[in-house]
Every structure is written in structure tokens, then in C-alpha cells.
């Protein structure tokens, strides 16, 4: 297993085991759909997002808060994914 594969595996587990179920579904679903196509830079950004507080993430994904600039494109993607899952 390469380092990138190991990081993807850890990220998938972290995405599905969050503090709140809503973020499990949003981040875990995104991980299942996108992790295999992520390059090292995309994965690093996703790993950074996984280190953020669930309540902050939920606010950013739902548009109730403004995400940091570096997360804005990913939050927009997650917001669209969450909206289509309803």
C-alpha cells in the first residue's frame, strides 16, 4: 500500500466517524465518491477539513457561516452534495 492509499483509507474512516451524524453523511458520502480521484493536494485539503470542528463545518456547508477562503470551493461542493441527498 502506497502512502497516498494509506492516507485515503485514513481519510475515509475519519470522514465516516465524525461527532455528528449529519457530518458523517456529508463527509463520508463525499469521501466514498471522490477519494480515489483525489491527488495529494486535494487529499491534503480534505484532511485539513477533517481536522475542523463539526459544528463549524456544518455551518459552512449549510451556508449559515462563511468558510475560510481556502475551504470555500470544497464547501460549495459539499453543499451541492448535501442538497442533492435530501
C-alpha atoms as a PDB file:
ATOM      1  CA  UNK A   1       0.000   0.000   0.000  1.00  0.00           C
ATOM      2  CA  UNK A   2       1.397   3.371  -1.006  1.00  0.00           C
ATOM      3  CA  UNK A   3       1.442   6.375   1.311  1.00  0.00           C
ATOM      4  CA  UNK A   4      -1.310   8.034  -0.742  1.00  0.00           C
ATOM      5  CA  UNK A   5      -3.500   4.922  -0.477  1.00  0.00           C
ATOM      6  CA  UNK A   6      -2.957   4.783   3.284  1.00  0.00           C
ATOM      7  CA  UNK A   7      -3.895   8.465   3.616  1.00  0.00           C
ATOM      8  CA  UNK A   8      -7.049   7.878   1.570  1.00  0.00           C
ATOM      9  CA  UNK A   9      -8.012   4.972   3.803  1.00  0.00           C
ATOM     10  CA  UNK A  10      -7.493   7.034   6.972  1.00  0.00           C
ATOM     11  CA  UNK A  11      -9.441   9.942   5.482  1.00  0.00           C
ATOM     12  CA  UNK A  12     -12.392   7.680   4.619  1.00  0.00           C
ATOM     13  CA  UNK A  13     -12.517   6.368   8.185  1.00  0.00           C
ATOM     14  CA  UNK A  14     -12.274   9.872   9.651  1.00  0.00           C
ATOM     15  CA  UNK A  15     -14.981  11.128   7.279  1.00  0.00           C
ATOM     16  CA  UNK A  16     -17.447   8.441   8.408  1.00  0.00           C
ATOM     17  CA  UNK A  17     -16.699   8.727  12.129  1.00  0.00           C
ATOM     18  CA  UNK A  18     -17.458  12.335  12.980  1.00  0.00           C
ATOM     19  CA  UNK A  19     -19.037  13.865  16.051  1.00  0.00           C
ATOM     20  CA  UNK A  20     -22.443  14.417  14.481  1.00  0.00           C
ATOM     21  CA  UNK A  21     -24.341  12.132  12.109  1.00  0.00           C
ATOM     22  CA  UNK A  22     -25.056  14.880   9.572  1.00  0.00           C
ATOM     23  CA  UNK A  23     -21.346  15.395   9.015  1.00  0.00           C
ATOM     24  CA  UNK A  24     -20.805  11.617   8.797  1.00  0.00           C
ATOM     25  CA  UNK A  25     -23.242  11.547   5.903  1.00  0.00           C
ATOM     26  CA  UNK A  26     -21.903  14.646   4.164  1.00  0.00           C
ATOM     27  CA  UNK A  27     -18.169  13.978   4.536  1.00  0.00           C
ATOM     28  CA  UNK A  28     -18.436  10.186   4.317  1.00  0.00           C
ATOM     29  CA  UNK A  29     -20.520  10.379   1.162  1.00  0.00           C
ATOM     30  CA  UNK A  30     -18.034  12.791  -0.361  1.00  0.00           C
ATOM     31  CA  UNK A  31     -15.147  10.520   0.614  1.00  0.00           C
ATOM     32  CA  UNK A  32     -16.820   7.489  -0.958  1.00  0.00           C
ATOM     33  CA  UNK A  33     -17.467   9.378  -4.190  1.00  0.00           C
ATOM     34  CA  UNK A  34     -14.247  11.372  -4.545  1.00  0.00           C
ATOM     35  CA  UNK A  35     -11.299   9.984  -2.574  1.00  0.00           C
ATOM     36  CA  UNK A  36      -9.991   7.668  -5.265  1.00  0.00           C
ATOM     37  CA  UNK A  37      -9.689  10.551  -7.738  1.00  0.00           C
ATOM     38  CA  UNK A  38      -8.007  12.951  -5.293  1.00  0.00           C
ATOM     39  CA  UNK A  39      -4.388  13.814  -5.879  1.00  0.00           C
ATOM     40  CA  UNK A  40      -2.051  14.610  -2.978  1.00  0.00           C
ATOM     41  CA  UNK A  41      -3.018  18.317  -2.880  1.00  0.00           C
ATOM     42  CA  UNK A  42      -6.766  17.619  -2.925  1.00  0.00           C
ATOM     43  CA  UNK A  43      -6.321  14.979  -0.253  1.00  0.00           C
ATOM     44  CA  UNK A  44      -4.312  17.378   1.917  1.00  0.00           C
ATOM     45  CA  UNK A  45      -7.143  19.906   1.724  1.00  0.00           C
ATOM     46  CA  UNK A  46      -9.732  17.248   2.590  1.00  0.00           C
ATOM     47  CA  UNK A  47      -7.587  16.087   5.521  1.00  0.00           C
ATOM     48  CA  UNK A  48      -7.396  19.682   6.754  1.00  0.00           C
ATOM     49  CA  UNK A  49     -11.189  19.948   6.557  1.00  0.00           C
ATOM     50  CA  UNK A  50     -11.481  16.713   8.532  1.00  0.00           C
ATOM     51  CA  UNK A  51      -9.492  18.419  11.299  1.00  0.00           C
ATOM     52  CA  UNK A  52     -12.077  21.171  11.650  1.00  0.00           C
ATOM     53  CA  UNK A  53     -14.852  21.273  14.231  1.00  0.00           C
ATOM     54  CA  UNK A  54     -18.058  19.553  13.100  1.00  0.00           C
ATOM     55  CA  UNK A  55     -20.261  22.442  14.149  1.00  0.00           C
ATOM     56  CA  UNK A  56     -18.172  24.889  12.114  1.00  0.00           C
ATOM     57  CA  UNK A  57     -18.227  22.538   9.129  1.00  0.00           C
ATOM     58  CA  UNK A  58     -21.989  22.163   9.347  1.00  0.00           C
ATOM     59  CA  UNK A  59     -22.404  25.947   9.410  1.00  0.00           C
ATOM     60  CA  UNK A  60     -20.160  26.319   6.354  1.00  0.00           C
ATOM     61  CA  UNK A  61     -21.831  23.526   4.380  1.00  0.00           C
ATOM     62  CA  UNK A  62     -25.330  24.815   5.100  1.00  0.00           C
ATOM     63  CA  UNK A  63     -24.444  28.425   4.305  1.00  0.00           C
ATOM     64  CA  UNK A  64     -25.060  29.607   7.855  1.00  0.00           C
ATOM     65  CA  UNK A  65     -21.410  30.625   8.184  1.00  0.00           C
ATOM     66  CA  UNK A  66     -18.580  31.723   5.940  1.00  0.00           C
ATOM     67  CA  UNK A  67     -15.795  29.178   5.497  1.00  0.00           C
ATOM     68  CA  UNK A  68     -12.129  30.160   5.364  1.00  0.00           C
ATOM     69  CA  UNK A  69     -11.168  31.116   1.813  1.00  0.00           C
ATOM     70  CA  UNK A  70      -9.063  28.000   1.276  1.00  0.00           C
ATOM     71  CA  UNK A  71     -12.085  25.785   2.062  1.00  0.00           C
ATOM     72  CA  UNK A  72     -14.688  27.731   0.068  1.00  0.00           C
ATOM     73  CA  UNK A  73     -14.580  25.628  -3.157  1.00  0.00           C
ATOM     74  CA  UNK A  74     -14.761  22.348  -1.227  1.00  0.00           C
ATOM     75  CA  UNK A  75     -17.594  23.682   0.960  1.00  0.00           C
ATOM     76  CA  UNK A  76     -19.515  24.620  -2.189  1.00  0.00           C
ATOM     77  CA  UNK A  77     -19.077  21.065  -3.488  1.00  0.00           C
ATOM     78  CA  UNK A  78     -20.159  19.598  -0.159  1.00  0.00           C
ATOM     79  CA  UNK A  79     -23.175  21.929  -0.066  1.00  0.00           C
ATOM     80  CA  UNK A  80     -24.299  20.747  -3.501  1.00  0.00           C
ATOM     81  CA  UNK A  81     -23.817  17.114  -2.488  1.00  0.00           C
ATOM     82  CA  UNK A  82     -25.810  17.644   0.720  1.00  0.00           C
ATOM     83  CA  UNK A  83     -28.609  19.420  -1.176  1.00  0.00           C
ATOM     84  CA  UNK A  84     -28.999  16.590  -3.675  1.00  0.00           C
ATOM     85  CA  UNK A  85     -29.023  13.993  -0.889  1.00  0.00           C
ATOM     86  CA  UNK A  86     -32.197  15.410   0.644  1.00  0.00           C
END
